[in-house]
Amino acid sequence: MSQHLKTLKILLILTLCLLLGLATAFMLRPQSVATDPMNANLQLGGDFTLQSAEGPVSLSDFKGQVSVIYIGYASCPDVCPTALAVLTQSLRQLSESEREQVQGIFISVDPERDTPAKLADYTAFFSPRIVGVTGSREEIDQVVRQYGAFYRIVDMEDSAMGYAVDHSSRLYLVDREGRLVETLLHNTSVPAMTTALKTLLTSEG
């Protein structure tokens, strides 16, 4: 009986340790800003001005058009090119007149490596309807906060890149009035993206 009680005691201690570990992990988990634009209390979105190879670009420059914003960086190995490829393929599904009413905006959170000229070359690979912009760290952080996004620099000591950037990966759909109305994952399907664009293009606002 004493051996049985001893075993139960050990199991109880192990269970308590596990629960404490889970509670600690939950409390210390990385926090990110919610990105549900349907929640009016969050008031996500809004105008901004960043730099392109052709000069300053503001979201308000495209009032009257539908805008699709993506926040990432040009050295991103996977999610950024996937998102831009989805947008590019969706643009090709639109008629020429529809396509001329959609503006893609790629915002780089890596201004140390992504100059406006580099971003111009990078976005041109995907579509002439996508402009690449960046800015100072303060300007970038302001836009990231506005849109409920997230990023952090991750050192890579054993890599020639030096560092990578962990970041949220969403396509932000903005209507003709400059209002953020929907977000889609970077790997959303081309038909889903095309449908979302057509809906915004035909919306009266």
Protein backbone atom coordinates (compact mmCIF):
# COMPACT_ATOMS: atom_id res chain seq x y z
CA MET A 1 0.00 0.00 0.00
CA SER A 2 2.79 2.45 0.82
CA GLN A 3 4.38 1.77 -2.58
CA HIS A 4 1.01 2.45 -4.23
CA LEU A 5 0.64 5.74 -2.37
CA LYS A 6 4.19 6.69 -3.28
CA THR A 7 3.43 6.07 -6.96
CA LEU A 8 0.25 8.15 -6.76
CA LYS A 9 2.18 10.94 -5.09
CA ILE A 10 4.77 10.95 -7.85
CA LEU A 11 2.05 10.99 -10.51
CA LEU A 12 0.32 13.87 -8.74
CA ILE A 13 3.55 15.88 -8.60
CA LEU A 14 4.24 15.21 -12.28
CA THR A 15 0.69 16.26 -13.20
CA LEU A 16 1.03 19.49 -11.23
CA CYS A 17 4.38 20.22 -12.91
CA LEU A 18 2.81 19.63 -16.31
CA LEU A 19 -0.10 21.95 -15.53
CA LEU A 20 2.28 24.62 -14.24
CA GLY A 21 4.36 24.30 -17.40
CA LEU A 22 1.31 24.65 -19.63
CA ALA A 23 0.09 27.66 -17.66
CA THR A 24 3.50 29.31 -17.89
CA ALA A 25 3.72 28.66 -21.63
CA PHE A 26 0.26 30.16 -22.11
CA MET A 27 1.14 33.28 -20.15
CA LEU A 28 4.46 33.77 -21.96
CA ARG A 29 3.20 33.02 -25.48
CA PRO A 30 4.01 35.72 -28.08
CA GLN A 31 1.25 38.29 -28.36
CA SER A 32 0.01 39.57 -31.68
CA VAL A 33 -2.59 42.13 -32.61
CA ALA A 34 -5.92 40.76 -33.74
CA THR A 35 -6.54 41.14 -37.45
CA ASP A 36 -10.31 40.87 -37.76
CA PRO A 37 -11.40 44.03 -39.59
CA MET A 38 -15.04 43.14 -39.03
CA ASN A 39 -14.63 44.13 -35.38
CA ALA A 40 -15.37 47.84 -35.45
CA ASN A 41 -13.64 48.37 -32.12
CA LEU A 42 -10.28 47.51 -33.66
CA GLN A 43 -10.49 50.29 -36.27
CA LEU A 44 -7.83 48.67 -38.40
CA GLY A 45 -6.52 50.20 -41.60
CA GLY A 46 -6.21 53.78 -42.72
CA ASP A 47 -4.01 55.97 -44.89
CA PHE A 48 -0.22 55.92 -44.88
CA THR A 49 2.66 57.28 -46.94
CA LEU A 50 5.79 55.26 -47.76
CA GLN A 51 8.53 55.49 -50.39
CA SER A 52 8.62 53.78 -53.78
CA ALA A 53 11.27 54.02 -56.48
CA GLU A 54 9.12 56.72 -58.10
CA GLY A 55 8.66 58.73 -54.91
CA PRO A 56 6.14 58.87 -52.06
CA VAL A 57 3.11 56.58 -52.30
CA SER A 58 0.01 57.00 -50.16
CA LEU A 59 -2.94 54.67 -49.90
CA SER A 60 -5.14 57.70 -50.59
CA ASP A 61 -3.45 58.03 -54.00
CA PHE A 62 -5.58 55.07 -55.08
CA LYS A 63 -8.95 56.31 -53.84
CA GLY A 64 -11.55 55.18 -56.33
CA GLN A 65 -9.67 51.94 -56.90
CA VAL A 66 -9.56 48.68 -54.95
CA SER A 67 -6.23 48.16 -53.16
CA VAL A 68 -4.62 44.95 -51.95
CA ILE A 69 -1.88 45.40 -49.35
CA TYR A 70 0.67 42.79 -48.34
CA ILE A 71 3.28 43.31 -45.60
CA GLY A 72 6.50 41.29 -45.88
CA TYR A 73 10.02 41.55 -47.32
CA ALA A 74 11.75 40.76 -50.60
CA SER A 75 14.12 38.11 -49.18
CA CYS A 76 11.20 36.10 -47.82
CA PRO A 77 11.61 32.51 -49.08
CA ASP A 78 8.02 31.34 -49.12
CA VAL A 79 4.90 33.16 -47.91
CA CYS A 80 5.60 36.52 -49.59
CA PRO A 81 6.09 35.15 -53.10
CA THR A 82 3.10 32.87 -52.57
CA ALA A 83 0.86 35.82 -51.64
CA LEU A 84 2.06 37.95 -54.52
CA ALA A 85 1.65 35.04 -56.93
CA VAL A 86 -1.95 34.55 -55.78
CA LEU A 87 -2.63 38.26 -56.31
CA THR A 88 -0.94 38.21 -59.71
CA GLN A 89 -2.92 35.20 -60.91
CA SER A 90 -6.14 36.78 -59.65
CA LEU A 91 -5.40 39.99 -61.54
CA ARG A 92 -5.01 37.94 -64.70
CA GLN A 93 -8.48 36.52 -64.16
CA LEU A 94 -9.97 40.02 -64.33
CA SER A 95 -10.86 41.87 -67.50
CA GLU A 96 -8.48 44.64 -68.56
CA SER A 97 -10.86 47.35 -67.34
CA GLU A 98 -11.27 45.58 -63.98
CA ARG A 99 -7.52 45.06 -63.62
CA GLU A 100 -6.88 48.78 -64.10
CA GLN A 101 -9.06 49.43 -61.05
CA VAL A 102 -6.98 47.24 -58.70
CA GLN A 103 -3.70 48.35 -57.11
CA GLY A 104 -1.40 46.00 -55.24
CA ILE A 105 0.88 47.48 -52.56
CA PHE A 106 3.80 45.43 -51.23
CA ILE A 107 5.13 46.94 -47.99
CA SER A 108 8.61 45.83 -46.94
CA VAL A 109 9.45 45.70 -43.24
CA ASP A 110 13.13 45.21 -44.14
CA PRO A 111 14.30 48.69 -45.20
CA GLU A 112 17.95 47.84 -44.50
CA ARG A 113 17.98 45.45 -47.46
CA ASP A 114 14.91 46.45 -49.45
CA THR A 115 15.61 49.76 -51.10
CA PRO A 116 12.79 51.28 -53.18
CA ALA A 117 14.76 50.40 -56.34
CA LYS A 118 15.09 46.76 -55.25
CA LEU A 119 11.39 46.63 -54.45
CA ALA A 120 10.55 48.00 -57.90
CA ASP A 121 12.47 45.12 -59.49
CA TYR A 122 10.95 42.60 -57.11
CA THR A 123 7.30 43.59 -57.65
CA ALA A 124 7.80 43.97 -61.43
CA PHE A 125 8.56 40.25 -61.52
CA PHE A 126 4.96 39.62 -60.42
CA SER A 127 2.79 42.36 -61.91
CA PRO A 128 2.95 45.99 -63.06
CA ARG A 129 -0.15 46.49 -60.92
CA ILE A 130 1.89 45.98 -57.73
CA VAL A 131 4.06 48.75 -56.29
CA GLY A 132 6.79 48.12 -53.70
CA VAL A 133 7.20 50.59 -50.86
CA THR A 134 9.10 50.92 -47.60
CA GLY A 135 10.18 53.66 -45.20
CA SER A 136 11.87 54.39 -41.93
CA ARG A 137 11.51 51.91 -39.10
CA GLU A 138 9.09 54.30 -37.36
CA GLU A 139 6.95 54.67 -40.49
CA ILE A 140 6.85 50.94 -41.07
CA ASP A 141 5.93 50.19 -37.47
CA GLN A 142 3.09 52.70 -37.66
CA VAL A 143 1.58 50.94 -40.69
CA VAL A 144 2.09 47.53 -39.08
CA ARG A 145 0.14 48.72 -36.03
CA GLN A 146 -2.57 50.28 -38.17
CA TYR A 147 -3.23 47.00 -39.91
CA GLY A 148 -2.89 44.71 -36.91
CA ALA A 149 0.12 42.99 -38.44
CA PHE A 150 3.26 41.61 -36.78
CA TYR A 151 6.95 41.15 -37.53
CA ARG A 152 10.22 40.54 -35.73
CA ILE A 153 13.86 40.30 -36.78
CA VAL A 154 15.41 36.87 -36.22
CA ASP A 155 19.22 36.59 -36.20
CA MET A 156 20.69 33.79 -38.31
CA GLU A 157 24.33 33.59 -37.26
CA ASP A 158 25.16 30.62 -39.50
CA SER A 159 23.50 32.06 -42.60
CA ALA A 160 24.85 34.40 -45.23
CA MET A 161 21.57 36.31 -44.96
CA GLY A 162 22.46 37.42 -41.45
CA TYR A 163 18.85 37.60 -40.35
CA ALA A 164 15.34 36.67 -41.39
CA VAL A 165 12.03 38.30 -40.59
CA ASP A 166 9.14 36.46 -38.98
CA HIS A 167 5.92 38.18 -39.95
CA SER A 168 2.18 37.78 -40.21
CA SER A 169 1.04 36.89 -43.70
CA ARG A 170 -2.24 38.33 -44.87
CA LEU A 171 -3.58 40.12 -47.90
CA TYR A 172 -5.50 43.23 -46.85
CA LEU A 173 -8.35 44.19 -49.17
CA VAL A 174 -9.23 47.88 -49.19
CA ASP A 175 -12.31 49.30 -50.90
CA ARG A 176 -12.57 52.33 -53.16
CA GLU A 177 -12.99 54.61 -50.16
CA GLY A 178 -9.78 53.42 -48.52
CA ARG A 179 -11.49 51.25 -45.92
CA LEU A 180 -10.06 47.88 -44.91
CA VAL A 181 -12.92 45.46 -45.49
CA GLU A 182 -11.40 41.97 -45.58
CA THR A 183 -8.21 40.01 -44.96
CA LEU A 184 -7.20 36.79 -46.69
CA LEU A 185 -4.43 34.33 -45.89
CA HIS A 186 -1.37 34.41 -48.14
CA ASN A 187 -2.23 30.97 -49.53
CA THR A 188 -5.86 31.67 -50.27
CA SER A 189 -6.99 30.18 -53.56
CA VAL A 190 -6.89 32.21 -56.75
CA PRO A 191 -10.66 31.79 -57.29
CA ALA A 192 -11.34 33.05 -53.75
CA MET A 193 -9.12 36.09 -54.28
CA THR A 194 -10.67 36.79 -57.69
CA THR A 195 -14.17 36.58 -56.22
CA ALA A 196 -13.21 38.96 -53.41
CA LEU A 197 -11.79 41.47 -55.90
CA LYS A 198 -14.84 41.30 -58.17
CA THR A 199 -17.10 41.81 -55.16
CA LEU A 200 -15.23 44.95 -54.17
CA LEU A 201 -15.15 46.22 -57.75
CA THR A 202 -18.92 45.93 -58.06
CA SER A 203 -19.69 47.23 -54.58
CA GLU A 204 -21.27 50.66 -54.30
CA GLY A 205 -19.57 51.18 -50.92
